[in-house]
Amino acid sequence: MKVEDQIVFTAHHGSWKVADRLLDMDDEKVAHFIASIANTVNAKIPEYLTEVMNVAGIMSLAGELAKKDLGDAIIALKSPGTARKLGQLVFEEDKKLKKHLVEVAKALLVREVLSKKVPVEYPEEPLSEVRIVFPYNEDHINFVAFHVSGKTKWRAVRRLIIDEKTPMADVARLLASINESITLKLPFYAGIDIKGIEAWFGEFKKVKKAEIPGVVEKYRHFPAENYAPTGFHEHARVYALRTALGKIGLPLDVPAKSLEKYLEKK
């Protein structure tokens, strides 16, 4: 039986209940819909990390760093002193496991600090309503993307049934994995020129502290309208930020792999 092209996201856990489906696989509609899902999951990740790190402390640190201008804030995010502070905010003594959690905490901090300075989310509103019947009675997170047409091949399933034994960090891992899947696919549907964005920052290789202001200025002058069609300029700007941070060695997104490695060895 042929599987219907569709994208589905449902979340049912405690008071969080959202469910929606897209069946019209027009590229622009897909891009807007998955951008909404990305915004939805990124907003929820921090609350699922409170068992393994002091999220309130990270947010407090973010508030302090956000008082700096953009360039100085990014320099501070990259500093060893900030890494040490993050190490004190994760609930883990084992050095190898702590390293994975610090990477996650760093991504939380970067996103929170920069959200006060520049756009880090897409312009779409997060999903907030139950528009379809939940596929499972149990608490769960469920993401399905199936679109196979011509050169388009996207098959993705990210699913977790949540019970009393489920570590909340595992929910965060799944949400981060959904965001990563969307990050890879959104440029295709939105028409964002990722290679062009890479070329815009191409002069920077392994960025040293003294070069960070140059990367920031390059980002400030990024002409988003040249790298995405109308309606997706702000999406391209987020990708430019992600690319700029990558040059500096900072994450914009919580790394699912770090959480996976932590949970595997815990």
Protein backbone atom coordinates (compact mmCIF):
# COMPACT_ATOMS: atom_id res chain seq x y z
CA MET A 1 0.00 0.00 0.00
CA LYS A 2 1.39 3.40 -0.98
CA VAL A 3 2.23 5.61 1.98
CA GLU A 4 0.65 9.04 1.71
CA ASP A 5 3.01 12.00 1.42
CA GLN A 6 2.65 13.93 4.66
CA ILE A 7 4.37 15.56 7.60
CA VAL A 8 2.99 14.92 11.08
CA PHE A 9 3.94 16.23 14.49
CA THR A 10 2.19 15.24 17.70
CA ALA A 11 3.20 15.78 21.31
CA HIS A 12 1.19 14.58 24.30
CA HIS A 13 2.93 14.90 27.64
CA GLY A 14 1.48 16.50 30.74
CA SER A 15 -0.08 19.82 29.77
CA TRP A 16 1.75 19.87 26.44
CA LYS A 17 -0.67 18.76 23.79
CA VAL A 18 -0.19 19.67 20.12
CA ALA A 19 -1.01 17.71 16.98
CA ASP A 20 -0.97 18.74 13.34
CA ARG A 21 -0.50 17.27 9.89
CA LEU A 22 0.41 18.71 6.49
CA LEU A 23 -0.85 16.89 3.41
CA ASP A 24 -0.32 19.62 0.79
CA MET A 25 3.33 19.06 -0.06
CA ASP A 26 3.88 22.31 -1.92
CA ASP A 27 7.48 23.28 -1.18
CA GLU A 28 6.67 26.62 0.43
CA LYS A 29 3.97 25.13 2.63
CA VAL A 30 6.30 22.34 3.73
CA ALA A 31 9.00 24.88 4.59
CA HIS A 32 6.66 27.01 6.70
CA PHE A 33 5.19 23.96 8.45
CA ILE A 34 8.50 22.36 9.39
CA ALA A 35 9.83 25.74 10.52
CA SER A 36 6.88 25.88 12.94
CA ILE A 37 7.79 22.41 14.20
CA ALA A 38 11.43 23.43 14.69
CA ASN A 39 10.34 26.46 16.72
CA THR A 40 8.01 24.20 18.73
CA VAL A 41 10.63 21.63 19.71
CA ASN A 42 13.39 24.15 20.39
CA ALA A 43 11.15 26.01 22.83
CA LYS A 44 10.49 22.81 24.79
CA ILE A 45 14.01 21.35 24.99
CA PRO A 46 15.19 23.33 28.06
CA GLU A 47 12.42 22.10 30.36
CA TYR A 48 13.36 18.49 29.58
CA LEU A 49 16.95 19.07 30.67
CA THR A 50 16.28 20.20 34.25
CA GLU A 51 17.11 16.73 35.64
CA VAL A 52 20.65 16.82 34.26
CA MET A 53 21.60 20.50 34.48
CA ASN A 54 20.75 23.73 36.24
CA VAL A 55 18.72 25.28 33.43
CA ALA A 56 17.71 28.26 35.59
CA GLY A 57 21.39 28.93 36.26
CA ILE A 58 22.16 28.76 32.54
CA MET A 59 19.38 31.23 31.81
CA SER A 60 20.72 33.54 34.51
CA LEU A 61 24.20 33.36 32.98
CA ALA A 62 22.64 34.08 29.59
CA GLY A 63 21.03 37.21 31.00
CA GLU A 64 24.42 38.47 32.15
CA LEU A 65 26.17 37.75 28.84
CA ALA A 66 23.33 39.29 26.84
CA LYS A 67 24.13 42.68 28.39
CA LYS A 68 27.24 42.78 26.18
CA ASP A 69 27.10 43.84 22.55
CA LEU A 70 26.86 41.03 20.00
CA GLY A 71 30.58 40.67 19.29
CA ASP A 72 31.61 40.74 22.95
CA ALA A 73 28.82 38.32 23.86
CA ILE A 74 30.06 35.81 21.29
CA ILE A 75 33.64 36.20 22.50
CA ALA A 76 32.42 35.54 26.04
CA LEU A 77 30.45 32.48 24.91
CA LYS A 78 33.64 31.06 23.41
CA SER A 79 35.80 31.79 26.46
CA PRO A 80 37.24 29.09 28.77
CA GLY A 81 35.72 30.94 31.72
CA THR A 82 32.22 30.40 30.38
CA ALA A 83 32.99 26.72 29.77
CA ARG A 84 34.07 26.39 33.42
CA LYS A 85 30.85 28.02 34.60
CA LEU A 86 28.81 25.62 32.47
CA GLY A 87 30.75 22.71 33.95
CA GLN A 88 29.52 23.79 37.39
CA LEU A 89 25.92 23.90 36.14
CA VAL A 90 25.64 20.30 34.95
CA PHE A 91 24.75 17.53 37.39
CA GLU A 92 27.48 15.05 36.59
CA GLU A 93 30.81 14.14 38.20
CA ASP A 94 32.12 11.65 35.64
CA LYS A 95 34.42 13.67 33.35
CA LYS A 96 33.45 11.91 30.12
CA LEU A 97 29.74 12.17 30.79
CA LYS A 98 30.10 15.77 31.96
CA LYS A 99 31.74 16.67 28.64
CA HIS A 100 28.60 15.59 26.75
CA LEU A 101 26.32 17.58 29.04
CA VAL A 102 28.53 20.69 28.83
CA GLU A 103 28.16 20.59 25.03
CA VAL A 104 24.40 20.56 25.47
CA ALA A 105 24.51 23.32 28.08
CA LYS A 106 26.69 25.41 25.77
CA ALA A 107 24.11 25.15 22.98
CA LEU A 108 21.35 26.19 25.39
CA LEU A 109 23.42 29.16 26.52
CA VAL A 110 24.35 30.26 22.99
CA ARG A 111 20.75 30.12 21.80
CA GLU A 112 19.44 31.96 24.86
CA VAL A 113 22.07 34.73 24.73
CA LEU A 114 21.73 35.32 21.02
CA SER A 115 17.92 35.22 21.14
CA LYS A 116 18.17 38.52 22.99
CA LYS A 117 20.36 40.03 20.28
CA VAL A 118 19.37 38.59 16.87
CA PRO A 119 16.74 36.22 15.43
CA VAL A 120 17.51 32.60 16.30
CA GLU A 121 14.03 31.21 15.58
CA TYR A 122 12.18 31.14 12.28
CA PRO A 123 9.39 33.73 11.85
CA GLU A 124 6.59 31.14 12.04
CA GLU A 125 4.56 30.65 15.22
CA PRO A 126 5.15 27.39 17.13
CA LEU A 127 2.40 24.78 16.94
CA SER A 128 -0.04 25.21 19.81
CA GLU A 129 -3.28 23.38 18.96
CA VAL A 130 -4.59 19.85 18.60
CA ARG A 131 -5.84 19.71 15.01
CA ILE A 132 -5.77 15.95 14.43
CA VAL A 133 -6.44 12.82 16.46
CA PHE A 134 -3.44 11.65 18.46
CA PRO A 135 -1.97 8.45 16.98
CA TYR A 136 -1.21 7.03 20.44
CA ASN A 137 -3.10 7.04 23.72
CA GLU A 138 0.13 7.06 25.71
CA ASP A 139 2.22 10.14 26.38
CA HIS A 140 4.50 10.53 23.39
CA ILE A 141 6.42 12.67 20.94
CA ASN A 142 5.92 11.74 17.29
CA PHE A 143 7.36 13.21 14.09
CA VAL A 144 6.85 11.66 10.67
CA ALA A 145 8.00 13.12 7.36
CA PHE A 146 7.30 11.21 4.18
CA HIS A 147 7.71 12.89 0.81
CA VAL A 148 8.91 10.89 -2.16
CA SER A 149 8.38 12.58 -5.51
CA GLY A 150 10.83 12.92 -8.37
CA LYS A 151 14.16 14.02 -6.90
CA THR A 152 12.57 14.54 -3.48
CA LYS A 153 13.16 11.74 -0.99
CA TRP A 154 12.47 12.44 2.66
CA ARG A 155 11.60 9.60 4.96
CA ALA A 156 11.97 10.37 8.65
CA VAL A 157 10.41 8.94 11.78
CA ARG A 158 11.28 10.24 15.26
CA ARG A 159 9.10 8.72 17.95
CA LEU A 160 9.22 8.19 21.71
CA ILE A 161 6.56 6.71 23.98
CA ILE A 162 6.97 8.35 27.38
CA ASP A 163 6.34 6.54 30.66
CA GLU A 164 7.50 6.85 34.26
CA LYS A 165 10.83 5.21 33.39
CA THR A 166 11.68 7.56 30.52
CA PRO A 167 14.54 9.94 31.37
CA MET A 168 13.44 13.47 30.58
CA ALA A 169 16.81 13.98 28.87
CA ASP A 170 15.72 11.32 26.39
CA VAL A 171 12.74 13.49 25.45
CA ALA A 172 15.15 16.40 24.95
CA ARG A 173 17.30 14.14 22.77
CA LEU A 174 14.35 13.27 20.55
CA LEU A 175 13.31 16.92 20.22
CA ALA A 176 16.88 17.88 19.31
CA SER A 177 16.94 15.10 16.71
CA ILE A 178 13.72 16.41 15.15
CA ASN A 179 15.24 19.88 14.96
CA GLU A 180 18.37 18.49 13.29
CA SER A 181 16.30 16.65 10.68
CA ILE A 182 14.40 19.83 9.85
CA THR A 183 17.59 21.90 9.77
CA LEU A 184 18.90 19.65 7.01
CA LYS A 185 15.70 19.68 4.95
CA LEU A 186 14.29 23.20 5.33
CA PRO A 187 16.73 24.84 2.86
CA PHE A 188 15.58 22.52 0.09
CA TYR A 189 11.91 23.40 0.55
CA ALA A 190 12.55 27.10 1.24
CA GLY A 191 15.02 27.57 -1.61
CA ILE A 192 17.82 28.73 0.69
CA ASP A 193 21.24 28.82 -0.95
CA ILE A 194 23.29 27.02 1.69
CA LYS A 195 26.39 26.78 -0.51
CA GLY A 196 26.16 30.50 -1.15
CA ILE A 197 25.92 31.19 2.57
CA GLU A 198 28.99 29.03 3.17
CA ALA A 199 30.81 31.00 0.48
CA TRP A 200 29.79 34.30 2.13
CA PHE A 201 31.77 33.24 5.19
CA GLY A 202 34.37 31.37 3.13
CA GLU A 203 37.26 33.66 4.04
CA PHE A 204 37.10 32.35 7.61
CA LYS A 205 38.58 28.95 8.40
CA LYS A 206 39.62 28.10 11.95
CA VAL A 207 38.62 31.34 13.64
CA LYS A 208 40.77 32.70 16.45
CA LYS A 209 39.55 35.10 19.13
CA ALA A 210 40.94 38.13 17.28
CA GLU A 211 38.96 37.15 14.17
CA ILE A 212 35.58 36.82 15.89
CA PRO A 213 34.64 40.52 15.38
CA GLY A 214 35.27 40.04 11.64
CA VAL A 215 32.89 37.08 11.51
CA VAL A 216 30.28 39.06 13.43
CA GLU A 217 30.56 41.99 11.02
CA LYS A 218 30.25 39.62 8.08
CA TYR A 219 27.06 38.26 9.64
CA ARG A 220 25.72 41.76 10.32
CA HIS A 221 26.05 42.62 6.62
CA PHE A 222 24.64 39.32 5.33
CA PRO A 223 22.29 40.17 2.39
CA ALA A 224 19.62 37.54 3.08
CA GLU A 225 17.56 38.62 0.07
CA ASN A 226 20.32 37.32 -2.20
CA TYR A 227 20.25 33.84 -0.71
CA ALA A 228 16.54 32.98 -0.43
CA PRO A 229 13.28 33.82 -2.20
CA THR A 230 10.74 36.30 -0.83
CA GLY A 231 9.14 34.89 2.30
CA PHE A 232 12.29 33.10 3.44
CA HIS A 233 14.82 35.88 3.97
CA GLU A 234 14.62 35.55 7.76
CA HIS A 235 15.09 31.79 7.50
CA ALA A 236 18.25 32.38 5.49
CA ARG A 237 19.43 34.80 8.17
CA VAL A 238 19.12 32.04 10.80
CA TYR A 239 21.20 29.76 8.58
CA ALA A 240 23.77 32.52 8.20
CA LEU A 241 23.96 32.83 11.99
CA ARG A 242 24.37 29.07 12.32
CA THR A 243 27.15 29.14 9.73
CA ALA A 244 28.93 32.07 11.38
CA LEU A 245 28.79 30.36 14.77
CA GLY A 246 30.09 27.16 13.22
CA LYS A 247 33.15 29.05 12.00
CA ILE A 248 33.73 30.23 15.55
CA GLY A 249 33.10 26.81 17.06
CA LEU A 250 29.81 27.55 18.81
CA PRO A 251 26.56 25.58 18.43
CA LEU A 252 23.18 27.18 17.77
CA ASP A 253 21.31 23.88 18.19
CA VAL A 254 21.29 21.38 21.03
CA PRO A 255 23.28 18.37 19.74
CA ALA A 256 21.17 15.20 19.86
CA LYS A 257 24.32 13.06 19.59
CA SER A 258 25.76 14.45 22.82
CA LEU A 259 22.58 13.56 24.70
CA GLU A 260 22.52 10.16 23.05
CA LYS A 261 26.10 9.42 24.14
CA TYR A 262 25.36 10.63 27.67
CA LEU A 263 22.25 8.45 27.95
CA GLU A 264 24.04 5.41 26.50
CA LYS A 265 26.81 5.55 29.09
CA LYS A 266 24.84 6.77 32.07
